[in-house]
Each structure stands twice: as C-alpha cells, then as structure tokens.
C-alpha cells in the first residue's frame, strides 16, 4: 500500500517510503512551517523527524529524492541529529506567495483594510488531505486502519510566524474536536503552533488555519499556486500482477 499521496509534496524521501513499507519502524513526526514578512515575502519549510531505518534514510544523501511532485520550488535541505533522532528540514523562500507552488494545500493572504498605519490582513492555509486520498483508487476502511496502526504516537505540527499583532484566531477543527494553538510573541510578531496526533491529521478531510493580524508593511492579496501532480505508479504494478 502506498502512503506517498497522503503527505504534502516534497515531504518524503525514498528512505521514508521504504521505512513505512516495512512496518511501525517507519513512523515519523511531520511539521510544516510558514513565515510571512512585512514585505509579503517569506518562507515555507517541511520537517521530518524519525529514528531507525527512516532516520538513517533521512541522513543519507542518496535518499534525497522528491516524491510525487514537480520541481517548481527549489529548496535548501539541512539534516541534524538529536540523539537517536534524525531531523531533515527543507526550506523554500518566496518573494511573494504567488511564486510558491504546493500540492494538496494552499496559503493565502487577504488585505481586509487599514487602521491608521497598520494593515489588517487575513492569513489562511488549507491542507486538503481528503483530496489527496481521493486520488487513490484503493481507499477503503482497511487503509484507514493501517494508517491508525502505523502513525499512532506520532505528531503533526503546523506553525506560522506573522508580523505585528494577532487580532483573531479561528478554531481549527480536526475530526470531532478543536485543536488550540500555542502562541507567543515579541515586539516584531507572533508565532502560532498547532500540534495534533499524526493519525488525526491524516484521517481528516481538510484542515484550515485562519488568522487575522495587523502590522505595518507592504501587504497585498496573494495566494500560492497548485503544483503539478504525477500519476501513481501502482497502475503499472497492477498490469504486472497475475
């Protein structure tokens, strides 16, 4: 069973796919981070932390292969070791959100107005996990049970840094419960972090992160573009089956 399509693009290496195929030793923690600066530029990062065979693969240069997407974005990858855990982070810088191409997710800014010298902006990020699952022909109850058994005890985290002050944080619904963020800030901006079980994230149809903030700067309406999806290779495997 393939799990590539359930993850954000560029979140997996060949080693991770191999690790998930051999069982529970292939589990990992997944984090995504977005930062938006006052000139509408920013960064987008994907972080995978794992131990065992998957951790070894994350630190292997031969495993640095993107899965299931195009080469629209050029990222910089860093690998560090934290005890027995290998953490691999790939970061993409953008001058404007319209220059960032993603898979089954989107990130957008919408200018709501001005109050004095502050611009009121809405940040919205949508993670369309259900759409990724729909591209799988063998999606069924058995597949869901496998996901639950594989990713139990591991986490999914989304973090965003926004300049200025936070005015409103919309509730994030995951399944039948609400996930509240941890928030801290300084004179320059605020970091918001949502953390949830990895299984809850993968079993969701869609996860929306919506925040209103006000800051000084040059903001304008902008949205990331969809990336290119490639067909799954399991069609060819079906042709080879008896």
Protein backbone atom coordinates (compact mmCIF):
# COMPACT_ATOMS: atom_id res chain seq x y z
CA UNK A 1 0.00 0.00 0.00
CA UNK A 2 1.39 3.44 -0.91
CA UNK A 3 1.28 6.37 1.51
CA UNK A 4 3.02 8.97 -0.66
CA UNK A 5 -0.18 10.72 -1.73
CA UNK A 6 -1.28 11.29 1.89
CA UNK A 7 1.65 13.61 2.58
CA UNK A 8 2.45 17.13 1.42
CA UNK A 9 4.66 17.24 -1.64
CA UNK A 10 8.41 17.02 -1.04
CA UNK A 11 7.73 15.71 2.48
CA UNK A 12 9.06 12.23 1.73
CA UNK A 13 12.31 10.66 0.63
CA UNK A 14 12.75 7.23 -0.88
CA UNK A 15 14.02 6.09 2.51
CA UNK A 16 10.82 7.20 4.25
CA UNK A 17 8.67 5.30 1.78
CA UNK A 18 10.79 2.20 2.29
CA UNK A 19 10.53 2.61 6.05
CA UNK A 20 6.75 2.84 6.09
CA UNK A 21 6.55 -0.26 3.95
CA UNK A 22 8.38 -2.44 6.49
CA UNK A 23 6.12 -1.59 9.44
CA UNK A 24 5.95 0.50 12.57
CA UNK A 25 9.69 1.27 12.49
CA UNK A 26 8.93 3.56 9.55
CA UNK A 27 6.95 6.10 11.59
CA UNK A 28 7.98 9.73 11.86
CA UNK A 29 6.87 13.15 13.09
CA UNK A 30 5.91 15.72 10.47
CA UNK A 31 5.97 19.52 10.78
CA UNK A 32 5.30 22.37 8.36
CA UNK A 33 6.22 25.99 9.00
CA UNK A 34 5.33 29.24 7.25
CA UNK A 35 6.74 32.71 7.93
CA UNK A 36 5.31 35.90 6.41
CA UNK A 37 7.37 39.10 6.47
CA UNK A 38 6.14 42.69 6.35
CA UNK A 39 7.00 42.96 2.63
CA UNK A 40 4.87 39.87 1.80
CA UNK A 41 7.94 37.68 1.27
CA UNK A 42 8.55 34.68 3.49
CA UNK A 43 9.48 31.04 3.79
CA UNK A 44 7.84 27.62 3.78
CA UNK A 45 9.51 24.63 5.45
CA UNK A 46 8.86 20.90 5.83
CA UNK A 47 10.48 18.99 8.68
CA UNK A 48 10.57 15.23 9.17
CA UNK A 49 11.97 13.65 12.35
CA UNK A 50 12.49 9.89 12.57
CA UNK A 51 14.51 7.13 14.15
CA UNK A 52 15.59 3.70 12.92
CA UNK A 53 15.66 2.91 9.22
CA UNK A 54 13.76 6.05 8.29
CA UNK A 55 16.09 8.24 10.34
CA UNK A 56 19.04 6.65 8.61
CA UNK A 57 17.45 7.35 5.24
CA UNK A 58 16.85 10.99 6.11
CA UNK A 59 20.58 11.44 6.68
CA UNK A 60 21.58 9.56 3.53
CA UNK A 61 22.28 11.84 0.56
CA UNK A 62 21.23 9.03 -1.74
CA UNK A 63 17.76 9.24 -0.20
CA UNK A 64 17.32 12.92 -1.02
CA UNK A 65 14.80 12.30 -3.78
CA UNK A 66 11.49 14.17 -4.09
CA UNK A 67 8.39 12.00 -4.47
CA UNK A 68 5.19 12.69 -6.42
CA UNK A 69 5.60 16.31 -7.48
CA UNK A 70 7.41 18.60 -9.89
CA UNK A 71 10.45 20.80 -9.36
CA UNK A 72 8.54 24.12 -9.22
CA UNK A 73 10.18 25.13 -5.93
CA UNK A 74 13.87 24.95 -5.19
CA UNK A 75 14.55 24.31 -1.54
CA UNK A 76 17.55 24.14 0.77
CA UNK A 77 17.81 20.99 2.88
CA UNK A 78 19.50 20.67 6.27
CA UNK A 79 19.95 17.47 8.29
CA UNK A 80 20.72 17.40 12.00
CA UNK A 81 20.91 14.67 14.62
CA UNK A 82 19.21 14.93 18.01
CA UNK A 83 20.32 11.83 19.89
CA UNK A 84 18.84 8.81 18.08
CA UNK A 85 16.54 11.04 16.03
CA UNK A 86 17.44 12.41 12.61
CA UNK A 87 15.69 15.65 11.63
CA UNK A 88 15.59 16.72 8.00
CA UNK A 89 14.30 20.20 7.12
CA UNK A 90 13.75 21.54 3.62
CA UNK A 91 13.00 25.26 3.35
CA UNK A 92 11.68 27.24 0.39
CA UNK A 93 12.00 31.03 0.30
CA UNK A 94 9.44 33.09 -1.62
CA UNK A 95 9.33 36.76 -2.61
CA UNK A 96 5.55 36.53 -2.90
CA UNK A 97 3.06 33.75 -2.15
CA UNK A 98 2.12 33.65 -5.85
CA UNK A 99 5.60 32.27 -6.51
CA UNK A 100 5.11 29.30 -4.17
CA UNK A 101 3.70 26.12 -5.76
CA UNK A 102 2.21 23.49 -3.46
CA UNK A 103 0.38 20.20 -3.83
CA UNK A 104 -2.79 19.49 -1.83
CA UNK A 105 -2.58 22.69 0.18
CA UNK A 106 -2.77 26.43 -0.30
CA UNK A 107 -1.54 29.50 1.58
CA UNK A 108 -3.12 32.91 1.07
CA UNK A 109 -3.07 36.50 2.33
CA UNK A 110 -6.08 38.81 2.04
CA UNK A 111 -5.92 42.51 2.91
CA UNK A 112 -9.04 43.47 4.88
CA UNK A 113 -8.33 47.16 5.33
CA UNK A 114 -6.27 49.72 7.22
CA UNK A 115 -6.39 51.18 10.70
CA UNK A 116 -4.02 54.12 10.98
CA UNK A 117 -0.59 52.93 9.84
CA UNK A 118 -1.49 49.23 10.33
CA UNK A 119 -2.72 46.95 7.56
CA UNK A 120 -5.32 44.38 8.59
CA UNK A 121 -4.59 41.05 6.93
CA UNK A 122 -6.13 37.59 6.94
CA UNK A 123 -3.78 34.60 6.74
CA UNK A 124 -5.39 31.39 5.53
CA UNK A 125 -3.84 28.00 4.99
CA UNK A 126 -5.83 24.98 3.81
CA UNK A 127 -4.44 21.43 3.96
CA UNK A 128 -6.66 19.30 1.68
CA UNK A 129 -5.85 15.81 2.91
CA UNK A 130 -9.11 14.30 1.68
CA UNK A 131 -8.33 15.45 -1.85
CA UNK A 132 -5.03 13.58 -1.72
CA UNK A 133 -6.82 10.42 -0.59
CA UNK A 134 -9.35 10.69 -3.43
CA UNK A 135 -6.54 10.21 -5.94
CA UNK A 136 -6.05 6.71 -4.54
CA UNK A 137 -8.20 4.04 -6.17
CA UNK A 138 -7.83 1.60 -3.25
CA UNK A 139 -9.03 3.99 -0.50
CA UNK A 140 -11.10 1.89 1.91
CA UNK A 141 -11.68 1.05 5.57
CA UNK A 142 -8.70 -1.29 5.67
CA UNK A 143 -6.39 1.50 4.54
CA UNK A 144 -7.65 3.75 7.33
CA UNK A 145 -6.98 1.08 9.94
CA UNK A 146 -3.43 0.66 8.63
CA UNK A 147 -2.84 4.39 8.92
CA UNK A 148 -4.05 4.37 12.51
CA UNK A 149 -1.76 1.49 13.44
CA UNK A 150 1.28 2.99 11.69
CA UNK A 151 1.17 6.58 12.88
CA UNK A 152 -0.08 6.15 16.44
CA UNK A 153 2.10 8.05 18.92
CA UNK A 154 3.49 10.44 16.30
CA UNK A 155 2.59 14.07 15.72
CA UNK A 156 1.79 16.59 13.02
CA UNK A 157 2.64 20.24 13.68
CA UNK A 158 1.87 23.40 11.75
CA UNK A 159 3.50 26.69 12.76
CA UNK A 160 3.18 30.18 11.32
CA UNK A 161 5.06 33.39 12.14
CA UNK A 162 3.16 36.60 11.41
CA UNK A 163 4.34 40.19 11.94
CA UNK A 164 2.57 42.70 14.15
CA UNK A 165 -0.29 41.77 16.47
CA UNK A 166 -2.80 38.92 16.32
CA UNK A 167 -6.42 40.04 16.17
CA UNK A 168 -8.33 36.77 15.77
CA UNK A 169 -7.59 33.03 15.56
CA UNK A 170 -10.32 30.87 14.07
CA UNK A 171 -10.92 27.45 15.69
CA UNK A 172 -9.12 24.57 13.95
CA UNK A 173 -11.40 21.55 13.69
CA UNK A 174 -9.85 18.10 13.37
CA UNK A 175 -12.40 15.30 13.34
CA UNK A 176 -14.83 15.94 16.20
CA UNK A 177 -12.58 18.13 18.31
CA UNK A 178 -10.82 21.51 18.26
CA UNK A 179 -7.04 21.96 18.30
CA UNK A 180 -5.89 25.14 20.05
CA UNK A 181 -2.56 26.74 19.17
CA UNK A 182 0.29 27.74 21.40
CA UNK A 183 1.01 31.45 20.85
CA UNK A 184 3.95 33.59 21.83
CA UNK A 185 5.25 36.88 20.54
CA UNK A 186 7.60 39.80 20.85
CA UNK A 187 7.83 43.34 19.51
CA UNK A 188 8.17 42.07 15.94
CA UNK A 189 5.46 39.44 15.61
CA UNK A 190 3.87 36.24 16.85
CA UNK A 191 4.37 32.51 16.38
CA UNK A 192 1.35 30.22 16.42
CA UNK A 193 1.81 26.45 16.69
CA UNK A 194 -0.89 23.80 16.29
CA UNK A 195 0.08 20.24 17.24
CA UNK A 196 -2.03 17.10 16.86
CA UNK A 197 -1.65 13.33 16.52
CA UNK A 198 -0.36 12.43 13.06
CA UNK A 199 -3.20 9.93 12.64
CA UNK A 200 -5.81 12.65 13.30
CA UNK A 201 -4.24 14.83 10.60
CA UNK A 202 -4.10 12.04 8.00
CA UNK A 203 -7.68 10.94 8.74
CA UNK A 204 -9.07 14.47 8.22
CA UNK A 205 -10.69 15.69 5.03
CA UNK A 206 -9.42 19.23 5.32
CA UNK A 207 -7.61 21.28 7.97
CA UNK A 208 -7.94 25.07 7.83
CA UNK A 209 -5.75 27.56 9.67
CA UNK A 210 -7.19 31.08 9.68
CA UNK A 211 -5.66 34.06 11.48
CA UNK A 212 -6.31 37.81 11.34
CA UNK A 213 -3.35 40.06 12.12
CA UNK A 214 -2.44 43.74 11.85
CA UNK A 215 1.02 45.02 11.05
CA UNK A 216 2.98 47.77 9.36
CA UNK A 217 4.19 46.82 5.93
CA UNK A 218 3.52 46.38 2.25
CA UNK A 219 0.81 43.69 2.11
CA UNK A 220 -1.40 42.70 -0.81
CA UNK A 221 -3.73 39.85 -1.75
CA UNK A 222 -1.70 36.81 -2.77
CA UNK A 223 -2.09 33.04 -2.91
CA UNK A 224 0.15 30.07 -3.57
CA UNK A 225 -0.32 28.19 -6.84
CA UNK A 226 -1.12 24.49 -7.26
CA UNK A 227 1.79 22.21 -8.01
CA UNK A 228 1.88 19.54 -10.70
CA UNK A 229 0.62 16.09 -9.76
CA UNK A 230 2.01 12.96 -11.37
CA UNK A 231 0.06 9.74 -11.80
CA UNK A 232 0.72 6.96 -9.29
CA UNK A 233 2.98 4.19 -10.45
CA UNK A 234 0.78 1.43 -8.95
CA UNK A 235 -1.16 1.30 -12.23
CA UNK A 236 1.88 -0.30 -13.84
CA UNK A 237 2.18 -2.70 -10.90
CA UNK A 238 -1.41 -3.82 -11.48
CA UNK A 239 -0.57 -4.69 -15.06
CA UNK A 240 2.19 -7.00 -13.84
CA UNK A 241 0.01 -8.85 -11.35
CA UNK A 242 -1.16 -12.42 -12.04
